[in-house]
Amino acid sequence: MLAYIKGTLTAVTDDGIIIENNGIGYDIKTPDLSGQLPAVGNSCTIYTYLYVREDMVCLYGFSSKQQLKTFKLLITVSGIGPKAAMGILSTLTVDELNFAILSDDSKTISKTPGIGPKGAKRLIIELKDKLDLGEAFESFGQEIEMSTEAPAEDVMSLTAQGLVSLGYSNSEALRAIRAVNDAETMDAETLLSEALKKLLTF
């Protein structure tokens, strides 16, 4: 019904934001968008989802279509409502969540407030078949230029495999790889070395 709202960011609240559009202030609940929002008073575009239930109507907002898509998937999981889904997206990036699901990393998912080990395992079971490993690398691969020697996804995949072989989870591996500056200039061996350095600082 409401695909997105574009307007002036007028306030950041404890659990969301207020955007004014054509004289109407929209109170939108969001996950933690620290560092992703413009300064108050500037134009802002938020992708939205209108949640309607007998006892409540709430507008949820997200910084990207990918984040919105993930929210919609999360609320299809038994026992996970909008509040829990927002908590997950405030704790993990979409890529980190995808990697945790695809690698059966319930420990990472259960770090989310309100999601215990059982809930994390249920989430993995219900969503694993709906995700594609290639998509877990896709958004990050689009952020950097393709290497002259190999596609960025191949370099990242090899690096992630190397980190996992050293005992790190797939989600930890992705987080470390994403934290490396100038990753597009590195081969897998160099990227592995730099990612290991990042892991030591987390």
Protein backbone atom coordinates (compact mmCIF):
# COMPACT_ATOMS: atom_id res chain seq x y z
CA MET A 1 0.00 0.00 0.00
CA LEU A 2 2.79 2.42 0.95
CA ALA A 3 5.95 1.42 -0.90
CA TYR A 4 8.04 4.27 0.45
CA ILE A 5 7.79 7.75 1.93
CA LYS A 6 10.01 10.60 0.83
CA GLY A 7 9.96 13.79 2.83
CA THR A 8 11.75 15.86 5.44
CA LEU A 9 13.23 14.09 8.43
CA THR A 10 11.83 16.12 11.34
CA ALA A 11 12.79 13.96 14.33
CA VAL A 12 14.57 10.81 15.45
CA THR A 13 12.71 9.06 18.27
CA ASP A 14 13.67 6.22 20.60
CA ASP A 15 12.18 3.62 18.28
CA GLY A 16 12.00 5.32 14.91
CA ILE A 17 11.71 8.57 13.00
CA ILE A 18 9.16 11.16 11.94
CA ILE A 19 9.04 12.21 8.30
CA GLU A 20 6.93 15.13 7.11
CA ASN A 21 5.42 14.92 3.63
CA ASN A 22 2.87 17.43 2.33
CA GLY A 23 2.09 18.68 5.80
CA ILE A 24 1.60 15.22 7.30
CA GLY A 25 4.02 13.83 9.88
CA TYR A 26 4.50 10.07 9.57
CA ASP A 27 5.57 8.30 12.76
CA ILE A 28 7.62 5.39 11.44
CA LYS A 29 9.09 2.60 13.57
CA THR A 30 12.56 1.61 12.36
CA PRO A 31 15.43 -0.66 13.35
CA ASP A 32 18.60 1.06 14.51
CA LEU A 33 19.60 3.23 11.53
CA SER A 34 22.59 4.90 13.16
CA GLY A 35 24.81 6.39 10.49
CA GLN A 36 22.25 5.74 7.75
CA LEU A 37 20.05 8.80 8.20
CA PRO A 38 20.60 12.38 7.01
CA ALA A 39 20.62 15.23 9.50
CA VAL A 40 17.25 16.37 10.83
CA GLY A 41 15.76 18.87 8.38
CA ASN A 42 17.04 17.13 5.27
CA SER A 43 15.22 15.01 2.73
CA CYS A 44 14.88 11.32 3.54
CA THR A 45 13.47 8.27 1.75
CA ILE A 46 12.27 5.30 3.80
CA TYR A 47 10.87 2.04 2.43
CA THR A 48 7.76 1.17 4.40
CA TYR A 49 5.57 -1.69 5.52
CA LEU A 50 2.08 -1.07 6.94
CA TYR A 51 1.32 -3.63 9.64
CA VAL A 52 -2.38 -4.00 10.40
CA ARG A 53 -3.83 -6.11 13.18
CA GLU A 54 -7.12 -5.97 15.05
CA ASP A 55 -5.61 -4.10 17.96
CA MET A 56 -2.93 -2.04 16.19
CA VAL A 57 -1.87 -0.29 13.03
CA CYS A 58 1.84 0.51 12.72
CA LEU A 59 4.09 1.83 9.97
CA TYR A 60 7.56 0.27 9.83
CA GLY A 61 10.39 1.78 7.83
CA PHE A 62 13.72 0.63 6.42
CA SER A 63 16.78 2.16 4.81
CA SER A 64 16.77 -0.18 1.79
CA LYS A 65 14.54 -2.51 -0.21
CA GLN A 66 16.78 -5.37 0.88
CA GLN A 67 16.18 -4.58 4.55
CA LEU A 68 12.42 -4.35 3.94
CA LYS A 69 12.45 -7.70 2.11
CA THR A 70 14.27 -9.31 5.02
CA PHE A 71 11.77 -7.88 7.51
CA LYS A 72 8.91 -9.41 5.51
CA LEU A 73 10.67 -12.78 5.59
CA LEU A 74 11.33 -12.59 9.31
CA ILE A 75 7.71 -11.98 10.28
CA THR A 76 6.71 -15.16 8.43
CA VAL A 77 8.68 -17.19 10.98
CA SER A 78 6.62 -18.78 13.74
CA GLY A 79 6.93 -16.80 16.97
CA ILE A 80 8.62 -13.76 15.39
CA GLY A 81 6.54 -10.62 15.16
CA PRO A 82 7.46 -7.13 13.98
CA LYS A 83 9.09 -6.17 17.30
CA ALA A 84 11.41 -9.19 17.29
CA ALA A 85 12.17 -8.70 13.59
CA MET A 86 13.14 -5.08 14.24
CA GLY A 87 15.41 -6.24 17.05
CA ILE A 88 17.16 -8.66 14.72
CA LEU A 89 17.70 -5.97 12.09
CA SER A 90 19.01 -3.61 14.76
CA THR A 91 21.56 -6.21 15.88
CA LEU A 92 22.64 -7.72 12.55
CA THR A 93 23.00 -6.35 9.05
CA VAL A 94 21.05 -8.13 6.33
CA ASP A 95 24.26 -9.75 5.06
CA GLU A 96 25.27 -10.93 8.53
CA LEU A 97 21.82 -12.43 9.08
CA ASN A 98 21.83 -14.16 5.69
CA PHE A 99 25.24 -15.66 6.39
CA ALA A 100 24.19 -16.80 9.85
CA ILE A 101 21.11 -18.52 8.41
CA LEU A 102 22.98 -20.18 5.54
CA SER A 103 25.74 -21.41 7.84
CA ASP A 104 23.42 -22.64 10.63
CA ASP A 105 24.99 -20.09 12.96
CA SER A 106 22.26 -19.95 15.60
CA LYS A 107 24.73 -18.52 18.12
CA THR A 108 25.02 -15.25 16.18
CA ILE A 109 21.25 -14.93 15.71
CA SER A 110 20.54 -15.67 19.39
CA LYS A 111 22.58 -12.60 20.37
CA THR A 112 19.50 -10.61 19.41
CA PRO A 113 17.45 -9.52 22.44
CA GLY A 114 14.34 -11.68 22.73
CA ILE A 115 15.61 -14.40 20.37
CA GLY A 116 16.86 -17.40 22.30
CA PRO A 117 18.66 -20.48 20.96
CA LYS A 118 15.39 -22.26 20.12
CA GLY A 119 14.01 -19.24 18.30
CA ALA A 120 17.25 -18.85 16.35
CA LYS A 121 17.21 -22.48 15.25
CA ARG A 122 13.57 -22.22 14.20
CA LEU A 123 14.36 -19.09 12.19
CA ILE A 124 17.18 -20.92 10.39
CA ILE A 125 14.99 -23.92 9.60
CA GLU A 126 12.15 -21.82 8.21
CA LEU A 127 14.23 -19.38 6.18
CA LYS A 128 17.26 -21.34 5.00
CA ASP A 129 15.57 -22.68 1.86
CA LYS A 130 14.39 -19.17 0.97
CA LEU A 131 17.90 -17.73 0.75
CA ASP A 132 20.66 -18.01 -1.85
CA LEU A 133 24.32 -18.02 -0.83
CA GLY A 134 25.12 -15.89 -3.87
CA GLU A 135 22.80 -13.18 -2.58
CA ALA A 136 24.75 -13.04 0.67
CA PHE A 137 27.75 -11.80 -1.30
CA GLU A 138 25.85 -9.88 -3.95
CA SER A 139 25.24 -6.59 -2.13
CA PHE A 140 28.78 -6.40 -0.84
CA GLY A 141 30.15 -7.34 -4.24
CA GLN A 142 28.25 -4.44 -5.74
CA GLU A 143 29.91 -2.04 -3.31
CA ILE A 144 33.40 -2.71 -4.65
CA GLU A 145 34.78 -2.88 -8.15
CA MET A 146 35.50 -6.19 -9.76
CA SER A 147 39.10 -7.36 -9.40
CA THR A 148 41.16 -7.45 -12.59
CA GLU A 149 42.12 -11.04 -11.78
CA ALA A 150 38.91 -12.51 -10.38
CA PRO A 151 35.33 -11.49 -9.61
CA ALA A 152 34.96 -9.87 -6.19
CA GLU A 153 32.54 -12.60 -5.11
CA ASP A 154 35.17 -15.29 -5.81
CA VAL A 155 37.82 -13.49 -3.76
CA MET A 156 35.39 -13.00 -0.89
CA SER A 157 34.23 -16.59 -1.04
CA LEU A 158 37.79 -17.92 -0.87
CA THR A 159 38.60 -15.56 1.98
CA ALA A 160 35.47 -16.55 3.89
CA GLN A 161 36.30 -20.23 3.45
CA GLY A 162 39.79 -19.58 4.80
CA LEU A 163 38.43 -17.83 7.89
CA VAL A 164 35.87 -20.56 8.53
CA SER A 165 38.63 -23.18 8.31
CA LEU A 166 40.35 -21.28 11.12
CA GLY A 167 37.32 -21.66 13.35
CA TYR A 168 35.36 -18.48 12.71
CA SER A 169 31.67 -18.57 11.82
CA ASN A 170 30.53 -17.50 8.37
CA SER A 171 28.87 -14.42 9.80
CA GLU A 172 32.08 -13.42 11.61
CA ALA A 173 34.00 -13.97 8.39
CA LEU A 174 31.68 -11.72 6.39
CA ARG A 175 31.81 -9.01 9.04
CA ALA A 176 35.61 -9.01 8.96
CA ILE A 177 35.76 -8.95 5.16
CA ARG A 178 33.35 -6.02 5.02
CA ALA A 179 35.52 -4.10 7.49
CA VAL A 180 38.63 -4.24 5.29
CA ASN A 181 39.37 -1.03 3.39
CA ASP A 182 40.33 -1.25 -0.29
CA ALA A 183 39.23 -4.89 -0.48
CA GLU A 184 38.80 -4.49 -4.25
CA THR A 185 42.58 -4.22 -4.71
CA MET A 186 43.43 -7.43 -2.86
CA ASP A 187 43.76 -11.07 -3.77
CA ALA A 188 42.29 -13.71 -1.45
CA GLU A 189 45.54 -14.24 0.46
CA THR A 190 46.00 -10.55 1.23
CA LEU A 191 42.33 -10.10 2.08
CA LEU A 192 42.52 -13.08 4.45
CA SER A 193 45.45 -11.50 6.28
CA GLU A 194 43.69 -8.15 6.60
CA ALA A 195 40.42 -9.75 7.68
CA LEU A 196 42.23 -11.66 10.43
CA LYS A 197 43.62 -8.37 11.73
CA LYS A 198 40.08 -6.97 11.84
CA LEU A 199 38.82 -9.99 13.76
CA LEU A 200 41.38 -9.33 16.46
CA THR A 201 39.95 -5.83 16.99
CA PHE A 202 36.25 -6.80 17.26
